[in-house]
Amino acid sequence: MVHRNGNVIATGGEGYTRKHNALKGIRSVMQNAPGATADEESD
């Protein structure tokens, strides 16, 4: 999670083994932080 000023607020910690589980985590964050946006990045 990154603030609009570029500061990292939170990271995914251990990460996810499946994209489906990562998306569930994103939906949870968005429900609890309704003003947040989500962008997909890959390494």
PDB file of N, CA and C in Angstrom:
ATOM      1  N   MET A   1       0.868  -1.154   0.000  1.00  0.00           N
ATOM      2  CA  MET A   1       0.000   0.000   0.000  1.00  0.00           C
ATOM      3  C   MET A   1       0.918   1.221   0.000  1.00  0.00           C
ATOM      4  N   VAL A   2       0.655   2.119  -0.934  1.00  0.00           N
ATOM      5  CA  VAL A   2       1.489   3.315  -1.081  1.00  0.00           C
ATOM      6  C   VAL A   2       0.610   4.555  -0.973  1.00  0.00           C
ATOM      7  N   HIS A   3       1.046   5.501  -0.168  1.00  0.00           N
ATOM      8  CA  HIS A   3       0.340   6.772  -0.025  1.00  0.00           C
ATOM      9  C   HIS A   3       0.505   7.572  -1.313  1.00  0.00           C
ATOM     10  N   ARG A   4      -0.386   8.506  -1.576  1.00  0.00           N
ATOM     11  CA  ARG A   4      -0.310   9.297  -2.811  1.00  0.00           C
ATOM     12  C   ARG A   4       0.985  10.103  -2.916  1.00  0.00           C
ATOM     13  N   ASN A   5       1.680  10.323  -1.794  1.00  0.00           N
ATOM     14  CA  ASN A   5       2.954  11.035  -1.840  1.00  0.00           C
ATOM     15  C   ASN A   5       4.125  10.100  -2.125  1.00  0.00           C
ATOM     16  N   GLY A   6       3.848   8.797  -2.324  1.00  0.00           N
ATOM     17  CA  GLY A   6       4.875   7.836  -2.677  1.00  0.00           C
ATOM     18  C   GLY A   6       5.434   7.032  -1.511  1.00  0.00           C
ATOM     19  N   ASN A   7       5.078   7.383  -0.280  1.00  0.00           N
ATOM     20  CA  ASN A   7       5.562   6.632   0.874  1.00  0.00           C
ATOM     21  C   ASN A   7       4.856   5.288   0.976  1.00  0.00           C
ATOM     22  N   VAL A   8       5.625   4.229   1.249  1.00  0.00           N
ATOM     23  CA  VAL A   8       5.050   2.900   1.432  1.00  0.00           C
ATOM     24  C   VAL A   8       4.417   2.822   2.812  1.00  0.00           C
ATOM     25  N   ILE A   9       3.133   2.477   2.850  1.00  0.00           N
ATOM     26  CA  ILE A   9       2.405   2.358   4.116  1.00  0.00           C
ATOM     27  C   ILE A   9       2.403   0.914   4.581  1.00  0.00           C
ATOM     28  N   ALA A  10       2.254  -0.023   3.657  1.00  0.00           N
ATOM     29  CA  ALA A  10       2.224  -1.445   3.995  1.00  0.00           C
ATOM     30  C   ALA A  10       2.670  -2.260   2.792  1.00  0.00           C
ATOM     31  N   THR A  11       3.202  -3.444   3.065  1.00  0.00           N
ATOM     32  CA  THR A  11       3.567  -4.374   2.003  1.00  0.00           C
ATOM     33  C   THR A  11       2.813  -5.678   2.226  1.00  0.00           C
ATOM     34  N   GLY A  12       2.844  -6.535   1.247  1.00  0.00           N
ATOM     35  CA  GLY A  12       2.149  -7.815   1.346  1.00  0.00           C
ATOM     36  C   GLY A  12       2.828  -8.824   2.249  1.00  0.00           C
ATOM     37  N   GLY A  13       3.953  -8.449   2.839  1.00  0.00           N
ATOM     38  CA  GLY A  13       4.641  -9.363   3.731  1.00  0.00           C
ATOM     39  C   GLY A  13       5.229 -10.546   2.991  1.00  0.00           C
ATOM     40  N   GLU A  14       4.694 -11.731   3.212  1.00  0.00           N
ATOM     41  CA  GLU A  14       5.225 -12.949   2.606  1.00  0.00           C
ATOM     42  C   GLU A  14       4.835 -13.111   1.141  1.00  0.00           C
ATOM     43  N   GLY A  15       3.857 -12.399   0.695  1.00  0.00           N
ATOM     44  CA  GLY A  15       3.397 -12.545  -0.677  1.00  0.00           C
ATOM     45  C   GLY A  15       2.356 -13.642  -0.796  1.00  0.00           C
ATOM     46  N   TYR A  16       1.929 -13.884  -2.017  1.00  0.00           N
ATOM     47  CA  TYR A  16       0.890 -14.883  -2.290  1.00  0.00           C
ATOM     48  C   TYR A  16       1.398 -15.872  -3.324  1.00  0.00           C
ATOM     49  N   THR A  17       1.011 -17.118  -3.194  1.00  0.00           N
ATOM     50  CA  THR A  17       1.409 -18.128  -4.169  1.00  0.00           C
ATOM     51  C   THR A  17       0.461 -18.172  -5.354  1.00  0.00           C
ATOM     52  N   ARG A  18      -0.746 -17.629  -5.180  1.00  0.00           N
ATOM     53  CA  ARG A  18      -1.732 -17.621  -6.264  1.00  0.00           C
ATOM     54  C   ARG A  18      -2.312 -16.217  -6.424  1.00  0.00           C
ATOM     55  N   LYS A  19      -2.482 -15.808  -7.661  1.00  0.00           N
ATOM     56  CA  LYS A  19      -3.035 -14.481  -7.946  1.00  0.00           C
ATOM     57  C   LYS A  19      -4.426 -14.335  -7.341  1.00  0.00           C
ATOM     58  N   HIS A  20      -5.220 -15.413  -7.357  1.00  0.00           N
ATOM     59  CA  HIS A  20      -6.567 -15.387  -6.796  1.00  0.00           C
ATOM     60  C   HIS A  20      -6.527 -14.941  -5.326  1.00  0.00           C
ATOM     61  N   ASN A  21      -5.591 -15.471  -4.561  1.00  0.00           N
ATOM     62  CA  ASN A  21      -5.488 -15.099  -3.146  1.00  0.00           C
ATOM     63  C   ASN A  21      -5.020 -13.658  -2.981  1.00  0.00           C
ATOM     64  N   ALA A  22      -4.138 -13.209  -3.854  1.00  0.00           N
ATOM     65  CA  ALA A  22      -3.697 -11.813  -3.807  1.00  0.00           C
ATOM     66  C   ALA A  22      -4.877 -10.875  -4.074  1.00  0.00           C
ATOM     67  N   LEU A  23      -5.713 -11.229  -5.044  1.00  0.00           N
ATOM     68  CA  LEU A  23      -6.881 -10.403  -5.359  1.00  0.00           C
ATOM     69  C   LEU A  23      -7.863 -10.359  -4.189  1.00  0.00           C
ATOM     70  N   LYS A  24      -8.012 -11.483  -3.478  1.00  0.00           N
ATOM     71  CA  LYS A  24      -8.866 -11.488  -2.284  1.00  0.00           C
ATOM     72  C   LYS A  24      -8.314 -10.521  -1.242  1.00  0.00           C
ATOM     73  N   GLY A  25      -7.005 -10.509  -1.071  1.00  0.00           N
ATOM     74  CA  GLY A  25      -6.377  -9.582  -0.135  1.00  0.00           C
ATOM     75  C   GLY A  25      -6.595  -8.137  -0.540  1.00  0.00           C
ATOM     76  N   ILE A  26      -6.490  -7.864  -1.835  1.00  0.00           N
ATOM     77  CA  ILE A  26      -6.722  -6.511  -2.340  1.00  0.00           C
ATOM     78  C   ILE A  26      -8.162  -6.084  -2.082  1.00  0.00           C
ATOM     79  N   ARG A  27      -9.115  -6.990  -2.338  1.00  0.00           N
ATOM     80  CA  ARG A  27     -10.524  -6.653  -2.079  1.00  0.00           C
ATOM     81  C   ARG A  27     -10.742  -6.342  -0.600  1.00  0.00           C
ATOM     82  N   SER A  28     -10.089  -7.075   0.272  1.00  0.00           N
ATOM     83  CA  SER A  28     -10.218  -6.830   1.702  1.00  0.00           C
ATOM     84  C   SER A  28      -9.697  -5.445   2.075  1.00  0.00           C
ATOM     85  N   VAL A  29      -8.545  -5.081   1.533  1.00  0.00           N
ATOM     86  CA  VAL A  29      -7.984  -3.751   1.809  1.00  0.00           C
ATOM     87  C   VAL A  29      -8.914  -2.677   1.280  1.00  0.00           C
ATOM     88  N   MET A  30      -9.439  -2.885   0.070  1.00  0.00           N
ATOM     89  CA  MET A  30     -10.309  -1.873  -0.520  1.00  0.00           C
ATOM     90  C   MET A  30     -11.613  -1.710   0.265  1.00  0.00           C
ATOM     91  N   GLN A  31     -12.114  -2.783   0.886  1.00  0.00           N
ATOM     92  CA  GLN A  31     -13.312  -2.677   1.715  1.00  0.00           C
ATOM     93  C   GLN A  31     -13.015  -1.883   2.985  1.00  0.00           C
ATOM     94  N   ASN A  32     -11.811  -2.040   3.505  1.00  0.00           N
ATOM     95  CA  ASN A  32     -11.445  -1.377   4.754  1.00  0.00           C
ATOM     96  C   ASN A  32     -10.812  -0.007   4.540  1.00  0.00           C
ATOM     97  N   ALA A  33     -10.443   0.308   3.304  1.00  0.00           N
ATOM     98  CA  ALA A  33      -9.891   1.613   2.950  1.00  0.00           C
ATOM     99  C   ALA A  33     -10.546   2.033   1.643  1.00  0.00           C
ATOM    100  N   PRO A  34     -11.823   2.429   1.687  1.00  0.00           N
ATOM    101  CA  PRO A  34     -12.600   2.660   0.472  1.00  0.00           C
ATOM    102  C   PRO A  34     -12.033   3.717  -0.474  1.00  0.00           C
ATOM    103  N   GLY A  35     -11.190   4.599   0.000  1.00  0.00           N
ATOM    104  CA  GLY A  35     -10.606   5.614  -0.885  1.00  0.00           C
ATOM    105  C   GLY A  35      -9.347   5.134  -1.577  1.00  0.00           C
ATOM    106  N   ALA A  36      -8.918   3.902  -1.301  1.00  0.00           N
ATOM    107  CA  ALA A  36      -7.679   3.372  -1.866  1.00  0.00           C
ATOM    108  C   ALA A  36      -7.889   2.942  -3.312  1.00  0.00           C
ATOM    109  N   THR A  37      -6.812   2.994  -4.084  1.00  0.00           N
ATOM    110  CA  THR A  37      -6.830   2.478  -5.450  1.00  0.00           C
ATOM    111  C   THR A  37      -5.852   1.304  -5.519  1.00  0.00           C
ATOM    112  N   ALA A  38      -6.020   0.437  -6.489  1.00  0.00           N
ATOM    113  CA  ALA A  38      -5.133  -0.720  -6.651  1.00  0.00           C
ATOM    114  C   ALA A  38      -4.552  -0.711  -8.056  1.00  0.00           C
ATOM    115  N   ASP A  39      -3.246  -0.918  -8.156  1.00  0.00           N
ATOM    116  CA  ASP A  39      -2.543  -1.022  -9.427  1.00  0.00           C
ATOM    117  C   ASP A  39      -1.809  -2.345  -9.458  1.00  0.00           C
ATOM    118  N   GLU A  40      -1.842  -3.025 -10.592  1.00  0.00           N
ATOM    119  CA  GLU A  40      -1.142  -4.303 -10.721  1.00  0.00           C
ATOM    120  C   GLU A  40       0.294  -4.063 -11.138  1.00  0.00           C
ATOM    121  N   GLU A  41       1.224  -4.661 -10.417  1.00  0.00           N
ATOM    122  CA  GLU A  41       2.645  -4.611 -10.764  1.00  0.00           C
ATOM    123  C   GLU A  41       3.170  -6.025 -10.727  1.00  0.00           C
ATOM    124  N   SER A  42       4.121  -6.340 -11.563  1.00  0.00           N
ATOM    125  CA  SER A  42       4.741  -7.659 -11.532  1.00  0.00           C
ATOM    126  C   SER A  42       6.247  -7.488 -11.649  1.00  0.00           C
ATOM    127  N   ASP A  43       6.960  -8.454 -11.068  1.00  0.00           N
ATOM    128  CA  ASP A  43       8.438  -8.417 -11.125  1.00  0.00           C
ATOM    129  C   ASP A  43       8.954  -9.261 -12.239  1.00  0.00           C
TER     130      ASP A  43
END
